[in-house]
Amino acid sequence: MEVWVLDTYFAKLQQALMVYQPNLDPDEVEREWRPLFAVAWADFQRFVKGWSPDHWKINPYTEALTRRALAYLRK
């Protein structure tokens, strides 16, 4: 599911970049941004845990994303 969501997001982003930012290379943007998905989600998770520690969006999947982000940042 995650791959499908990211593929859909980047396809739409590519279309928008071609219209609104034609000077940017959409493939380069995706290469730089796609690996940061887990980092962005971990930041969101940090906010949610501070705001509502029992929120339903805190679950095993999002905890795994946070661990993945931390591993990515340790590289």
Protein backbone atom coordinates (compact mmCIF):
# COMPACT_ATOMS: atom_id res chain seq x y z
CA MET A 1 0.00 0.00 0.00
CA GLU A 2 2.81 2.40 0.88
CA VAL A 3 4.41 2.00 -2.54
CA TRP A 4 1.09 2.63 -4.27
CA VAL A 5 0.46 5.77 -2.21
CA LEU A 6 3.93 7.15 -2.90
CA ASP A 7 3.73 6.25 -6.61
CA THR A 8 0.41 8.09 -6.85
CA TYR A 9 1.73 11.10 -4.94
CA PHE A 10 4.84 11.43 -7.08
CA ALA A 11 2.89 10.98 -10.33
CA LYS A 12 0.61 13.89 -9.35
CA LEU A 13 3.58 15.93 -8.15
CA GLN A 14 5.34 15.36 -11.46
CA GLN A 15 2.30 16.65 -13.34
CA ALA A 16 2.12 19.74 -11.13
CA LEU A 17 5.84 20.45 -11.42
CA MET A 18 5.66 20.33 -15.20
CA VAL A 19 3.00 23.06 -15.10
CA TYR A 20 4.06 25.24 -12.15
CA GLN A 21 7.82 24.63 -11.92
CA PRO A 22 8.95 23.53 -15.39
CA ASN A 23 12.55 24.42 -14.55
CA LEU A 24 12.69 21.58 -12.00
CA ASP A 25 13.46 18.00 -12.94
CA PRO A 26 10.59 15.92 -11.50
CA ASP A 27 12.70 12.75 -11.50
CA GLU A 28 15.40 14.48 -9.46
CA VAL A 29 12.81 15.80 -7.01
CA GLU A 30 11.44 12.28 -6.57
CA ARG A 31 14.92 10.79 -6.13
CA GLU A 32 15.60 13.29 -3.34
CA TRP A 33 12.18 13.27 -1.67
CA ARG A 34 11.01 9.64 -1.84
CA PRO A 35 13.60 8.37 0.69
CA LEU A 36 12.49 11.13 3.07
CA PHE A 37 8.91 9.84 3.40
CA ALA A 38 9.71 7.97 6.60
CA VAL A 39 11.47 11.04 8.01
CA ALA A 40 8.47 13.26 7.26
CA TRP A 41 6.13 10.72 8.83
CA ALA A 42 8.36 10.40 11.90
CA ASP A 43 8.15 14.16 12.35
CA PHE A 44 4.36 13.96 12.07
CA GLN A 45 4.36 11.08 14.56
CA ARG A 46 6.42 13.19 16.99
CA PHE A 47 3.77 15.91 16.78
CA VAL A 48 0.87 13.48 17.21
CA LYS A 49 2.47 11.81 20.24
CA GLY A 50 2.91 15.19 21.90
CA TRP A 51 -0.60 16.33 21.05
CA SER A 52 -2.57 13.13 21.61
CA PRO A 53 -0.48 10.17 22.84
CA ASP A 54 -3.37 7.72 22.37
CA HIS A 55 -4.25 8.88 18.85
CA TRP A 56 -5.26 6.11 16.42
CA LYS A 57 -2.57 7.19 13.96
CA ILE A 58 0.05 5.90 16.37
CA ASN A 59 0.20 2.24 15.45
CA PRO A 60 2.72 -0.51 14.63
CA TYR A 61 3.08 0.71 11.03
CA THR A 62 3.85 4.31 12.04
CA GLU A 63 6.19 3.12 14.78
CA ALA A 64 8.04 1.07 12.15
CA LEU A 65 8.24 4.13 9.89
CA THR A 66 9.78 6.08 12.75
CA ARG A 67 12.38 3.35 13.32
CA ARG A 68 13.11 3.34 9.58
CA ALA A 69 13.57 7.13 9.65
CA LEU A 70 15.95 6.93 12.58
CA ALA A 71 18.00 4.24 10.82
CA TYR A 72 18.08 6.40 7.67
CA LEU A 73 19.29 9.42 9.65
CA ARG A 74 22.03 7.37 11.34
CA LYS A 75 23.63 6.56 7.97
